Protein backbone atom coordinates (compact mmCIF):
# COMPACT_ATOMS: atom_id res chain seq x y z
CA UNK A 1 -147.62 -390.61 -148.00
CA UNK A 2 -150.73 -392.61 -148.87
CA UNK A 3 -154.46 -392.38 -148.36
CA UNK A 4 -157.65 -393.94 -149.69
CA UNK A 5 -158.03 -393.99 -153.47
CA UNK A 6 -160.57 -391.54 -154.96
CA UNK A 7 -163.69 -392.97 -156.59
CA UNK A 8 -162.59 -392.70 -160.23
CA UNK A 9 -160.33 -394.38 -162.76
CA UNK A 10 -156.86 -392.94 -163.34
CA UNK A 11 -155.32 -393.08 -166.80
CA UNK A 12 -158.57 -392.49 -168.71
CA UNK A 13 -158.88 -389.74 -171.33
CA UNK A 14 -161.61 -387.25 -170.54
CA UNK A 15 -160.83 -387.26 -166.81
CA UNK A 16 -160.11 -384.27 -164.61
CA UNK A 17 -157.15 -383.30 -166.80
CA UNK A 18 -159.26 -383.15 -169.94
CA UNK A 19 -157.21 -383.89 -173.05
CA UNK A 20 -154.36 -385.42 -170.99
CA UNK A 21 -154.97 -388.89 -169.57
CA UNK A 22 -155.22 -388.54 -165.80
CA UNK A 23 -152.10 -389.59 -163.99
CA UNK A 24 -149.38 -388.40 -161.64
CA UNK A 25 -148.39 -384.75 -161.61
CA UNK A 26 -144.79 -383.68 -160.96
CA UNK A 27 -144.10 -380.28 -159.41
CA UNK A 28 -140.61 -378.92 -158.76
CA UNK A 29 -140.01 -376.04 -156.39
CA UNK A 30 -142.92 -377.49 -154.43
CA UNK A 31 -141.74 -376.08 -151.12
CA UNK A 32 -142.40 -372.51 -152.23
CA UNK A 33 -145.62 -370.51 -152.37
CA UNK A 34 -146.51 -371.13 -156.02
CA UNK A 35 -145.37 -374.74 -155.79
CA UNK A 36 -147.68 -375.29 -152.84
CA UNK A 37 -150.63 -373.78 -154.72
CA UNK A 38 -149.90 -376.04 -157.70
CA UNK A 39 -149.65 -379.17 -155.56
CA UNK A 40 -152.84 -378.44 -153.62
CA UNK A 41 -154.73 -377.58 -156.83
CA UNK A 42 -153.78 -380.80 -158.61
CA UNK A 43 -154.13 -382.81 -155.42
CA UNK A 44 -157.67 -381.51 -154.91
CA UNK A 45 -158.57 -383.21 -158.20
CA UNK A 46 -157.68 -386.57 -156.72
CA UNK A 47 -154.39 -386.91 -158.60
CA UNK A 48 -151.24 -388.56 -157.34
CA UNK A 49 -148.30 -386.21 -156.93
CA UNK A 50 -144.53 -386.33 -157.08
CA UNK A 51 -143.17 -383.22 -155.38
CA UNK A 52 -139.59 -381.99 -155.34
CA UNK A 53 -137.63 -379.26 -153.61
CA UNK A 54 -134.22 -378.78 -152.04
CA UNK A 55 -136.00 -377.83 -148.78
CA UNK A 56 -137.03 -381.13 -147.22
CA UNK A 57 -139.15 -379.54 -144.51
CA UNK A 58 -140.93 -377.18 -146.89
CA UNK A 59 -141.85 -379.85 -149.44
CA UNK A 60 -143.07 -382.17 -146.66
CA UNK A 61 -145.48 -379.47 -145.49
CA UNK A 62 -146.70 -379.01 -149.06
CA UNK A 63 -147.22 -382.75 -149.39
CA UNK A 64 -149.33 -382.84 -146.26
CA UNK A 65 -151.45 -379.94 -147.49
CA UNK A 66 -151.95 -381.62 -150.87
CA UNK A 67 -153.10 -384.83 -149.21
CA UNK A 68 -155.48 -382.90 -147.00
CA UNK A 69 -156.89 -381.37 -150.18
CA UNK A 70 -157.53 -384.79 -151.71
CA UNK A 71 -154.33 -386.18 -153.23
CA UNK A 72 -154.50 -389.98 -152.73
CA UNK A 73 -150.73 -390.38 -152.62
CA UNK A 74 -147.72 -388.08 -152.55
CA UNK A 75 -144.11 -389.00 -153.19
CA UNK A 76 -141.33 -386.59 -152.32
CA UNK A 77 -137.94 -386.21 -153.95
CA UNK A 78 -135.54 -383.94 -152.09
CA UNK A 79 -132.91 -382.48 -154.38
CA UNK A 80 -131.58 -379.67 -156.51
CA UNK A 81 -133.58 -378.84 -159.65
CA UNK A 82 -130.30 -378.05 -161.39
CA UNK A 83 -129.16 -381.67 -161.00
CA UNK A 84 -130.14 -383.82 -164.00
CA UNK A 85 -130.22 -386.91 -161.79
CA UNK A 86 -133.06 -385.36 -159.80
CA UNK A 87 -135.12 -385.06 -162.99
CA UNK A 88 -134.46 -388.73 -163.72
CA UNK A 89 -135.47 -389.66 -160.19
CA UNK A 90 -138.76 -387.80 -160.63
CA UNK A 91 -139.55 -389.85 -163.72
CA UNK A 92 -138.65 -393.05 -161.89
CA UNK A 93 -140.97 -392.05 -159.05
CA UNK A 94 -143.87 -392.09 -161.53
CA UNK A 95 -142.97 -395.38 -163.20
CA UNK A 96 -145.39 -397.68 -161.37
CA UNK A 97 -148.16 -395.11 -161.90
CA UNK A 98 -147.81 -395.32 -165.68
CA UNK A 99 -145.33 -392.47 -166.05
CA UNK A 100 -145.80 -388.72 -165.58
CA UNK A 101 -148.94 -387.15 -167.01
CA UNK A 102 -148.08 -383.54 -166.15
CA UNK A 103 -144.79 -381.97 -165.08
CA UNK A 104 -144.54 -378.38 -163.86
CA UNK A 105 -140.99 -377.02 -163.65
CA UNK A 106 -141.53 -374.34 -161.04
CA UNK A 107 -138.22 -374.22 -159.14
CA UNK A 108 -136.56 -370.83 -159.39
CA UNK A 109 -134.37 -368.34 -157.56
CA UNK A 110 -133.80 -364.59 -157.90
CA UNK A 111 -131.13 -362.35 -156.45
CA UNK A 112 -130.87 -358.68 -157.47
CA UNK A 113 -127.59 -357.27 -158.71
CA UNK A 114 -126.07 -355.23 -161.51
CA UNK A 115 -124.84 -357.22 -164.50
CA UNK A 116 -121.20 -356.32 -163.98
CA UNK A 117 -121.26 -356.42 -160.18
CA UNK A 118 -123.17 -359.57 -159.24
CA UNK A 119 -120.74 -362.31 -158.18
CA UNK A 120 -120.31 -364.86 -160.95
CA UNK A 121 -121.22 -367.75 -158.65
CA UNK A 122 -124.57 -366.06 -157.94
CA UNK A 123 -125.06 -365.49 -161.69
CA UNK A 124 -124.25 -369.12 -162.40
CA UNK A 125 -126.52 -370.47 -159.67
CA UNK A 126 -129.54 -368.55 -160.97
CA UNK A 127 -128.96 -369.85 -164.50
CA UNK A 128 -128.45 -373.41 -163.23
CA UNK A 129 -131.76 -373.47 -161.37
CA UNK A 130 -133.90 -371.15 -163.50
CA UNK A 131 -132.81 -372.39 -166.94
CA UNK A 132 -131.02 -375.70 -166.67
CA UNK A 133 -133.65 -376.99 -164.24
CA UNK A 134 -136.40 -376.85 -166.89
CA UNK A 135 -133.99 -378.18 -169.54
CA UNK A 136 -133.20 -381.25 -167.44
CA UNK A 137 -136.90 -381.64 -166.67
CA UNK A 138 -137.96 -381.54 -170.31
CA UNK A 139 -135.25 -383.98 -171.36
CA UNK A 140 -136.35 -386.46 -168.69
CA UNK A 141 -140.13 -386.04 -168.87
CA UNK A 142 -140.91 -385.79 -172.59
CA UNK A 143 -139.59 -389.27 -173.51
CA UNK A 144 -141.54 -390.77 -170.59
CA UNK A 145 -144.71 -388.98 -171.70
CA UNK A 146 -144.27 -390.11 -175.29
CA UNK A 147 -144.04 -393.66 -174.00
CA UNK A 148 -147.10 -393.09 -171.82
CA UNK A 149 -149.08 -391.83 -174.81
CA UNK A 150 -150.06 -388.41 -173.45
CA UNK A 151 -148.64 -385.67 -171.31
CA UNK A 152 -148.03 -381.99 -170.76
CA UNK A 153 -144.84 -380.21 -169.67
CA UNK A 154 -145.12 -376.75 -168.15
CA UNK A 155 -142.21 -374.42 -167.43
CA UNK A 156 -142.75 -371.49 -165.09
CA UNK A 157 -140.83 -368.59 -166.59
CA UNK A 158 -141.76 -365.02 -165.61
CA UNK A 159 -142.87 -361.69 -166.95
CA UNK A 160 -139.09 -361.17 -166.85
CA UNK A 161 -138.94 -363.79 -169.59
CA UNK A 162 -140.77 -361.42 -171.94
CA UNK A 163 -139.59 -357.99 -170.80
CA UNK A 164 -136.15 -357.10 -169.41
CA UNK A 165 -135.74 -355.03 -166.27
CA UNK A 166 -132.69 -353.52 -164.51
CA UNK A 167 -130.93 -355.20 -161.62
CA UNK A 168 -132.10 -358.67 -162.69
CA UNK A 169 -129.68 -359.59 -165.48
CA UNK A 170 -129.08 -363.20 -164.52
CA UNK A 171 -132.74 -363.89 -163.76
CA UNK A 172 -133.96 -362.13 -166.91
CA UNK A 173 -131.43 -364.02 -169.05
CA UNK A 174 -132.47 -367.39 -167.65
CA UNK A 175 -136.19 -366.69 -167.91
CA UNK A 176 -135.87 -365.46 -171.51
CA UNK A 177 -133.99 -368.67 -172.28
CA UNK A 178 -136.80 -370.75 -170.78
CA UNK A 179 -139.37 -369.03 -173.02
CA UNK A 180 -137.25 -369.69 -176.09
CA UNK A 181 -136.58 -373.30 -175.20
CA UNK A 182 -140.24 -374.03 -174.52
CA UNK A 183 -141.36 -372.36 -177.74
CA UNK A 184 -138.91 -374.50 -179.71
CA UNK A 185 -140.17 -377.57 -177.87
CA UNK A 186 -143.76 -376.65 -178.75
CA UNK A 187 -142.89 -376.47 -182.46
CA UNK A 188 -141.06 -379.80 -182.29
CA UNK A 189 -143.97 -381.59 -180.63
CA UNK A 190 -146.44 -380.17 -183.15
CA UNK A 191 -144.26 -381.17 -186.11
CA UNK A 192 -144.08 -384.71 -184.73
CA UNK A 193 -147.84 -384.74 -184.09
CA UNK A 194 -146.85 -385.93 -180.61
CA UNK A 195 -149.45 -386.65 -177.91
CA UNK A 196 -147.52 -384.31 -175.60
CA UNK A 197 -148.00 -380.56 -175.27
CA UNK A 198 -145.90 -377.77 -173.79
CA UNK A 199 -146.72 -374.53 -172.01
CA UNK A 200 -144.71 -371.63 -170.67
CA UNK A 201 -146.03 -369.58 -167.78
CA UNK A 202 -145.09 -365.91 -167.45
CA UNK A 203 -146.54 -364.53 -164.20
CA UNK A 204 -146.20 -360.95 -163.12
CA UNK A 205 -145.72 -360.09 -159.47
CA UNK A 206 -147.05 -362.86 -157.25
CA UNK A 207 -147.25 -362.89 -153.47
CA UNK A 208 -144.55 -365.39 -152.58
CA UNK A 209 -141.44 -366.09 -150.52
CA UNK A 210 -139.15 -366.19 -153.58
CA UNK A 211 -136.65 -363.58 -152.41
CA UNK A 212 -135.99 -365.08 -148.99
CA UNK A 213 -136.07 -368.64 -150.32
CA UNK A 214 -133.51 -367.67 -152.95
CA UNK A 215 -131.08 -366.37 -150.35
CA UNK A 216 -131.63 -369.55 -148.33
CA UNK A 217 -130.88 -371.66 -151.42
CA UNK A 218 -127.62 -369.76 -151.82
CA UNK A 219 -126.78 -370.14 -148.11
CA UNK A 220 -126.82 -366.36 -147.75
CA UNK A 221 -127.96 -364.79 -144.49
CA UNK A 222 -130.45 -362.01 -145.36
CA UNK A 223 -128.69 -359.77 -142.86
CA UNK A 224 -125.45 -360.24 -144.79
CA UNK A 225 -127.09 -359.53 -148.15
CA UNK A 226 -126.14 -355.90 -148.56
CA UNK A 227 -127.07 -354.06 -151.77
CA UNK A 228 -126.53 -350.44 -152.69
CA UNK A 229 -127.62 -347.97 -155.33
CA UNK A 230 -129.66 -349.25 -158.25
CA UNK A 231 -129.47 -352.89 -157.11
CA UNK A 232 -130.92 -351.96 -153.71
CA UNK A 233 -133.66 -349.88 -155.37
CA UNK A 234 -134.61 -352.76 -157.64
CA UNK A 235 -134.62 -355.25 -154.78
CA UNK A 236 -136.86 -352.99 -152.70
CA UNK A 237 -139.21 -352.43 -155.67
CA UNK A 238 -139.48 -356.15 -156.38
CA UNK A 239 -140.09 -357.01 -152.72
CA UNK A 240 -142.79 -354.34 -152.43
CA UNK A 241 -144.41 -355.59 -155.63
CA UNK A 242 -144.32 -359.18 -154.44
CA UNK A 243 -145.84 -358.21 -151.08
CA UNK A 244 -148.75 -356.63 -153.01
CA UNK A 245 -148.75 -359.28 -155.73
CA UNK A 246 -151.46 -361.60 -157.00
CA UNK A 247 -152.26 -364.74 -154.99
CA UNK A 248 -150.26 -367.82 -155.97
CA UNK A 249 -153.57 -369.52 -156.72
CA UNK A 250 -153.83 -367.25 -159.77
CA UNK A 251 -150.86 -369.06 -161.28
CA UNK A 252 -152.06 -372.52 -160.26
CA UNK A 253 -155.48 -371.96 -161.82
CA UNK A 254 -153.92 -370.72 -165.06
CA UNK A 255 -151.63 -373.75 -165.25
CA UNK A 256 -154.52 -376.15 -164.75
CA UNK A 257 -156.51 -374.42 -167.51
CA UNK A 258 -153.54 -374.64 -169.89
CA UNK A 259 -153.14 -378.37 -169.25
CA UNK A 260 -156.82 -378.95 -169.89
CA UNK A 261 -157.01 -376.99 -173.14
CA UNK A 262 -153.45 -377.47 -174.40
CA UNK A 263 -152.60 -373.76 -174.70
CA UNK A 264 -148.95 -372.74 -174.94
CA UNK A 265 -148.83 -369.18 -173.61
CA UNK A 266 -149.95 -368.86 -169.99
CA UNK A 267 -150.10 -365.27 -168.75
CA UNK A 268 -152.05 -365.23 -165.48
CA UNK A 269 -151.93 -361.42 -165.30
CA UNK A 270 -152.88 -359.33 -168.38
CA UNK A 271 -150.38 -356.57 -167.60
CA UNK A 272 -147.57 -358.92 -168.58
CA UNK A 273 -148.98 -359.18 -172.09
CA UNK A 274 -149.30 -355.41 -172.28
CA UNK A 275 -145.65 -355.01 -171.30
CA UNK A 276 -144.58 -357.50 -173.96
CA UNK A 277 -146.72 -355.79 -176.62
CA UNK A 278 -145.14 -352.44 -175.76
CA UNK A 279 -141.68 -353.98 -176.04
CA UNK A 280 -142.32 -355.32 -179.54
CA UNK A 281 -143.96 -352.08 -180.64
CA UNK A 282 -140.82 -350.23 -179.60
CA UNK A 283 -138.71 -352.85 -181.38
CA UNK A 284 -140.68 -352.38 -184.61
CA UNK A 285 -140.39 -348.62 -184.36
CA UNK A 286 -136.70 -348.68 -183.46
CA UNK A 287 -137.33 -346.99 -180.13
CA UNK A 288 -135.46 -347.59 -176.87
CA UNK A 289 -136.73 -350.19 -174.36
CA UNK A 290 -138.74 -348.94 -171.42
CA UNK A 291 -137.78 -349.51 -167.78
CA UNK A 292 -140.98 -351.00 -166.33
CA UNK A 293 -139.70 -350.69 -162.77
C-alpha cells in the first residue's frame, strides 16, 4: 500500500515522535480493535507502518484505515506473533526505511478457564502468543533499533499483569511475565545508556473483540465453547466489562504519549494503578489477595 509522501522529513529527531527519530512503526495484533486504534493513531502522524496479524482480512482493513488517516505507506506481514520468524520478517520489512523506530507488541489472546481444568493446549497457546510474542519481538527489534540509533519498544500487557484474577490463570501468568520481562529490559537499556527505551502498557477493561478473536485464533467455534461454574461466571463478567470498557483510542493515546516522553509504565485507566496499590498493601500487611471480579 502506498500513497503520496507527507510534507516533512522522516528520520529527524524532534519530529512527531519527539525524542525518537521519526520512522516506521510496527504494530502486531493489528487486526484487532486496539491494534487498529494504534495503527490509525500513528498513521495519522504521517508515519510509515508495518502491520502484522494472523487474520489477513482484518489486518488489511486496518491498513486501509491507517492510510485513510494519513499513513504514506503500509506494509503487511501475515503471521503468528508466537513465531520468531515473523518478528524477524517485521524487522526486514523496515530495513529500507532505516529500521524500526517504534514497535508495539499488541497481539494477545484470552480464554477463560480454571487453572486445573483448562486444556493444556489452550494454556500453552495463550502463553505462546501473550508472552513469547513480545519476547520474540524484543529480541528482533532492539538490536535493529540500536543500529538505527534510536527506538522504543512497547509491550501491551494488561491490568491482569499487575493483579491476578480467577478464571484467567494462563492469561494472568503470561501478562505478569510480560511486565517482568519489560521491566528487566528497561533496566538493561538504562545501564547501557542505550538510545532505545521500553514501555509496558497495562490497560483495564477496553471495548474490543478480544474474546471472539481469541476463539477464532484457536479455531474454536463460539457455540462449541461451553464453560460452567466459576469459569462461566468469569467469562460473562469479563465480556460484560469489555462491552462497557474504555474506547481503544484510550490505549493508543497513552502509547503515543509514552513514546514521546520515554515513560516506562503506561496505565491508561487509573483504576488499574489503584488495584495494584491495594495488592502491594495487602502483601506488605500479610493479608490475603482480593478478588477484583
